[in-house]
Amino acid sequence: MGSFDTTGVKELCEAILGQSRQNSESMHSLPWLHSLSLDGNNIQSEGMSILSEALHLRNKDLQRFSSFASDACTISQDCMSLNLANRNLGPEEANFLGACLQCIKVDHLQEMDLSHNNLCGYDNSSRESFNLSSFMNLCSTFKRIELASLTSLNLAGNCFGARGICALVEVFHSAGMIQLEVLNLDQVGMIPIVQKFGAVKKSSDFTGIIALSESLEREDLPVLHTLSIAGNNVTNTEVLQAMITTTRRRKIKFNY
């Protein structure tokens, strides 16, 4: 089987986006470019990595970007909803999505659905496949870009564990999603079973759910009215009770 030829993608980044690895400060060859569509092209993970690097270096001057491997994904300045549920998106696609969001102003985006993908590449048969860095990078992008209009975020069915929850809570604490009303964190592996260094037995890692509970208490998401964390095997009754108490006080619909 032959190797994937990335020459075309590299030349695209240099000629159209005006970026190259050797000269990251070069001027855009098409400075008035406002719409870029790559629909129907199988650019694969290597191509997405090259495109991600170029898009990260470009300013927020694109108005519309369309492509997500072989699946159509359109992000535009007037985009109200971004639905990428059940697309089998992995770590490379997560990094690519972060790059796309970073090069386009998304002031009007109100709903984002990334549910039931595989953003961290988790595979039950191969723990080495787990790649949390992609989700951490996506959270960093959420902090950098303006998502002040986002009212609904669905991340259900993506296994990113306690550290992923902590990274997401940092986004909330930075006021990056101040208008969020609905948050779905069902089945995200919120409480993983870990074996600490030197310990004989494995134990549950509650750092993620504790961070989320503290975020609720701080009211990092002041207008949140619906929260779902079902399917995460929440066995820490003390933390769960604290969340129940807080959500009742704040009149938040809480599904666990």
Protein backbone atom coordinates (compact mmCIF):
# COMPACT_ATOMS: atom_id res chain seq x y z
CA MET A 1 0.00 0.00 0.00
CA GLY A 2 1.43 3.37 -1.02
CA SER A 3 1.95 6.25 1.38
CA PHE A 4 -0.34 9.27 1.53
CA ASP A 5 0.99 12.15 -0.61
CA THR A 6 0.70 15.43 1.33
CA THR A 7 2.39 17.58 -1.33
CA GLY A 8 -0.89 19.09 -2.50
CA VAL A 9 -1.99 20.01 1.01
CA LYS A 10 1.38 21.63 1.75
CA GLU A 11 1.25 23.65 -1.47
CA LEU A 12 -2.32 24.70 -0.66
CA CYS A 13 -1.25 26.03 2.74
CA GLU A 14 1.64 27.95 1.22
CA ALA A 15 -0.15 29.29 -1.88
CA ILE A 16 -3.67 30.00 -0.62
CA LEU A 17 -3.32 30.40 3.13
CA GLY A 18 0.05 32.10 2.65
CA GLN A 19 1.71 29.97 5.32
CA SER A 20 4.69 27.68 5.34
CA ARG A 21 6.67 26.00 8.07
CA GLN A 22 9.78 27.91 7.00
CA ASN A 23 8.07 31.30 6.95
CA SER A 24 5.24 31.49 9.46
CA GLU A 25 5.14 35.30 9.17
CA SER A 26 4.61 35.41 5.39
CA MET A 27 1.78 37.51 3.96
CA HIS A 28 -1.34 35.75 2.76
CA SER A 29 -1.10 35.15 -1.00
CA LEU A 30 -4.85 35.82 -1.21
CA PRO A 31 -5.38 38.51 1.44
CA TRP A 32 -9.07 38.98 0.55
CA LEU A 33 -9.92 35.27 0.79
CA HIS A 34 -13.07 34.90 2.90
CA SER A 35 -14.38 31.43 2.01
CA LEU A 36 -12.52 28.11 1.71
CA SER A 37 -14.19 24.80 0.84
CA LEU A 38 -12.42 21.44 0.80
CA ASP A 39 -15.52 19.24 0.74
CA GLY A 40 -15.16 15.75 -0.74
CA ASN A 41 -11.38 15.53 -0.32
CA ASN A 42 -9.94 12.65 1.68
CA ILE A 43 -7.16 14.62 3.33
CA GLN A 44 -6.67 12.04 6.12
CA SER A 45 -4.87 12.61 9.41
CA GLU A 46 -1.57 13.81 7.90
CA GLY A 47 -3.36 16.36 5.76
CA MET A 48 -5.45 17.55 8.70
CA SER A 49 -2.29 18.01 10.77
CA ILE A 50 -0.73 20.23 8.07
CA LEU A 51 -3.94 22.22 7.60
CA SER A 52 -4.32 22.64 11.36
CA GLU A 53 -0.85 24.15 11.62
CA ALA A 54 -1.57 26.63 8.83
CA LEU A 55 -5.01 27.59 10.16
CA HIS A 56 -3.64 28.17 13.66
CA LEU A 57 -1.21 30.72 12.19
CA ARG A 58 -3.85 32.61 10.23
CA ASN A 59 -5.73 35.53 11.72
CA LYS A 60 -9.51 35.47 12.15
CA ASP A 61 -10.14 36.77 8.65
CA LEU A 62 -11.94 33.81 7.10
CA GLN A 63 -15.72 34.13 7.06
CA ARG A 64 -16.52 30.57 6.01
CA PHE A 65 -14.63 27.28 6.12
CA SER A 66 -16.14 24.05 4.84
CA SER A 67 -14.60 20.57 5.20
CA PHE A 68 -14.09 17.84 7.72
CA ALA A 69 -12.23 14.99 6.07
CA SER A 70 -14.87 13.34 3.87
CA ASP A 71 -17.77 14.79 5.87
CA ALA A 72 -19.10 18.27 5.18
CA CYS A 73 -18.54 20.69 8.02
CA THR A 74 -19.27 24.35 7.52
CA ILE A 75 -18.19 26.95 10.07
CA SER A 76 -19.08 30.55 9.28
CA GLN A 77 -19.31 33.88 11.06
CA ASP A 78 -23.11 33.71 11.08
CA CYS A 79 -23.20 30.02 12.08
CA MET A 80 -25.80 29.46 14.82
CA SER A 81 -25.38 25.71 15.30
CA LEU A 82 -22.50 23.27 14.77
CA ASN A 83 -23.64 19.65 14.78
CA LEU A 84 -20.84 17.08 14.49
CA ALA A 85 -22.50 14.31 16.49
CA ASN A 86 -21.79 10.67 15.54
CA ARG A 87 -19.10 11.55 12.97
CA ASN A 88 -16.43 9.19 14.34
CA LEU A 89 -14.14 12.17 14.98
CA GLY A 90 -10.81 11.23 16.56
CA PRO A 91 -7.83 13.17 17.99
CA GLU A 92 -6.69 14.50 14.59
CA GLU A 93 -10.19 15.78 13.83
CA ALA A 94 -10.37 17.37 17.30
CA ASN A 95 -7.16 19.30 16.62
CA PHE A 96 -8.45 20.24 13.16
CA LEU A 97 -11.72 21.49 14.63
CA GLY A 98 -9.81 23.66 17.10
CA ALA A 99 -7.80 25.18 14.24
CA CYS A 100 -10.97 25.86 12.22
CA LEU A 101 -12.69 27.54 15.17
CA GLN A 102 -9.62 29.65 15.84
CA CYS A 103 -9.41 31.14 12.33
CA ILE A 104 -13.06 32.20 12.14
CA LYS A 105 -14.97 34.51 14.46
CA VAL A 106 -17.84 32.51 15.91
CA ASP A 107 -19.64 35.23 17.85
CA HIS A 108 -23.07 33.94 16.81
CA LEU A 109 -22.52 30.25 17.59
CA GLN A 110 -25.22 29.13 20.05
CA GLU A 111 -25.17 25.32 19.89
CA MET A 112 -22.25 22.89 19.61
CA ASP A 113 -22.84 19.14 19.48
CA LEU A 114 -19.73 16.93 19.47
CA SER A 115 -21.46 13.97 21.10
CA HIS A 116 -20.71 10.29 20.48
CA ASN A 117 -17.37 10.71 18.78
CA ASN A 118 -13.93 9.54 19.88
CA LEU A 119 -12.13 12.83 20.43
CA CYS A 120 -9.39 11.20 22.52
CA GLY A 121 -9.05 8.04 20.43
CA TYR A 122 -10.10 5.80 23.31
CA ASP A 123 -10.11 2.09 22.53
CA ASN A 124 -11.07 -0.53 25.13
CA SER A 125 -8.63 -3.01 23.61
CA SER A 126 -5.67 -0.61 23.50
CA ARG A 127 -5.09 1.88 26.32
CA GLU A 128 -2.10 3.28 24.43
CA SER A 129 -4.52 4.72 21.88
CA PHE A 130 -5.89 7.22 24.42
CA ASN A 131 -4.77 10.73 23.40
CA LEU A 132 -5.97 13.35 25.87
CA SER A 133 -3.79 16.12 24.41
CA SER A 134 -6.23 16.63 21.53
CA PHE A 135 -9.11 17.37 23.91
CA MET A 136 -6.87 19.56 26.10
CA ASN A 137 -5.92 21.57 22.99
CA LEU A 138 -9.59 21.91 22.09
CA CYS A 139 -10.33 23.25 25.58
CA SER A 140 -7.46 25.73 25.21
CA THR A 141 -9.05 26.90 21.97
CA PHE A 142 -12.40 27.31 23.75
CA LYS A 143 -10.64 29.63 26.21
CA ARG A 144 -8.96 31.71 23.48
CA ILE A 145 -11.89 32.23 21.11
CA GLU A 146 -15.10 34.11 21.81
CA LEU A 147 -17.94 31.70 22.61
CA ALA A 148 -19.94 34.23 24.60
CA SER A 149 -23.14 33.35 22.70
CA LEU A 150 -22.89 29.57 23.21
CA THR A 151 -25.96 28.31 25.06
CA SER A 152 -25.72 24.54 24.53
CA LEU A 153 -22.72 22.18 24.62
CA ASN A 154 -23.05 18.42 24.14
CA LEU A 155 -19.93 16.29 24.71
CA ALA A 156 -21.72 13.06 25.66
CA GLY A 157 -20.15 9.78 24.62
CA ASN A 158 -16.55 11.03 24.44
CA CYS A 159 -14.18 9.46 26.94
CA PHE A 160 -11.88 12.21 28.24
CA GLY A 161 -11.81 11.32 31.93
CA ALA A 162 -11.18 13.39 35.05
CA ARG A 163 -8.37 15.47 33.53
CA GLY A 164 -10.61 16.36 30.60
CA ILE A 165 -13.35 17.52 32.99
CA CYS A 166 -10.80 19.64 34.87
CA ALA A 167 -9.70 21.26 31.59
CA LEU A 168 -13.33 21.98 30.72
CA VAL A 169 -13.94 23.51 34.15
CA GLU A 170 -11.01 25.87 33.50
CA VAL A 171 -12.87 27.07 30.40
CA PHE A 172 -15.97 27.72 32.52
CA HIS A 173 -13.93 29.50 35.20
CA SER A 174 -12.38 31.80 32.58
CA ALA A 175 -15.89 32.96 31.60
CA GLY A 176 -15.31 31.44 28.18
CA MET A 177 -18.89 30.11 28.03
CA ILE A 178 -20.69 32.61 30.24
CA GLN A 179 -24.09 32.15 28.51
CA LEU A 180 -24.13 28.33 28.61
CA GLU A 181 -27.57 27.04 29.58
CA VAL A 182 -27.43 23.32 28.69
CA LEU A 183 -24.45 21.03 29.34
CA ASN A 184 -24.41 17.31 28.52
CA LEU A 185 -21.53 15.26 29.93
CA ASP A 186 -23.11 11.79 29.80
CA GLN A 187 -20.72 8.85 29.49
CA VAL A 188 -17.44 10.76 29.37
CA GLY A 189 -15.48 8.54 31.77
CA MET A 190 -15.68 11.26 34.39
CA ILE A 191 -14.47 8.98 37.20
CA PRO A 192 -11.72 6.72 35.80
CA ILE A 193 -10.16 3.87 37.76
CA VAL A 194 -6.45 4.60 38.19
CA GLN A 195 -3.48 3.04 39.95
CA LYS A 196 -1.40 5.63 41.73
CA PHE A 197 2.38 5.30 41.78
CA GLY A 198 3.47 2.82 44.48
CA ALA A 199 -0.08 1.75 45.29
CA VAL A 200 -1.14 -1.89 45.15
CA LYS A 201 -4.85 -1.38 44.53
CA LYS A 202 -6.56 0.76 41.93
CA SER A 203 -8.84 3.55 43.07
CA SER A 204 -11.38 5.96 41.58
CA ASP A 205 -10.20 9.40 40.47
CA PHE A 206 -12.76 11.93 41.71
CA THR A 207 -10.79 15.07 40.80
CA GLY A 208 -12.93 15.78 37.73
CA ILE A 209 -16.33 15.55 39.38
CA ILE A 210 -15.05 17.49 42.41
CA ALA A 211 -13.85 20.27 40.09
CA LEU A 212 -17.25 20.29 38.36
CA SER A 213 -19.04 20.42 41.70
CA GLU A 214 -16.91 23.38 42.82
CA SER A 215 -17.60 25.12 39.51
CA LEU A 216 -21.34 24.77 40.10
CA GLU A 217 -20.96 26.19 43.59
CA ARG A 218 -18.94 29.16 42.26
CA GLU A 219 -21.59 29.70 39.58
CA ASP A 220 -19.01 29.80 36.78
CA LEU A 221 -21.98 29.14 34.48
CA PRO A 222 -24.48 31.61 35.96
CA VAL A 223 -27.40 30.88 33.60
CA LEU A 224 -27.03 27.09 33.41
CA HIS A 225 -30.44 25.42 33.76
CA THR A 226 -29.80 21.82 32.57
CA LEU A 227 -26.90 19.53 33.46
CA SER A 228 -26.59 15.82 32.66
CA ILE A 229 -23.78 13.52 33.85
CA ALA A 230 -25.55 10.16 33.45
CA GLY A 231 -23.51 7.03 32.75
CA ASN A 232 -20.40 8.14 34.64
CA ASN A 233 -20.71 5.70 37.56
CA VAL A 234 -20.81 8.43 40.20
CA THR A 235 -20.17 6.47 43.39
CA ASN A 236 -18.88 9.27 45.60
CA THR A 237 -22.07 10.00 47.51
CA GLU A 238 -20.60 13.03 49.29
CA VAL A 239 -19.73 14.84 46.04
CA LEU A 240 -22.98 13.77 44.40
CA GLN A 241 -25.01 15.04 47.34
CA ALA A 242 -23.18 18.37 47.18
CA MET A 243 -24.05 18.65 43.48
CA ILE A 244 -27.69 17.76 44.16
CA THR A 245 -27.86 20.43 46.87
CA THR A 246 -26.25 23.07 44.64
CA THR A 247 -28.39 22.30 41.59
CA ARG A 248 -31.56 22.41 43.71
CA ARG A 249 -30.57 25.76 45.16
CA ARG A 250 -29.84 27.12 41.69
CA LYS A 251 -32.94 25.44 40.21
CA ILE A 252 -30.88 23.48 37.68
CA LYS A 253 -32.38 20.35 36.13
CA PHE A 254 -29.82 17.69 37.10
CA ASN A 255 -29.67 14.25 35.49
CA TYR A 256 -27.27 11.74 37.04
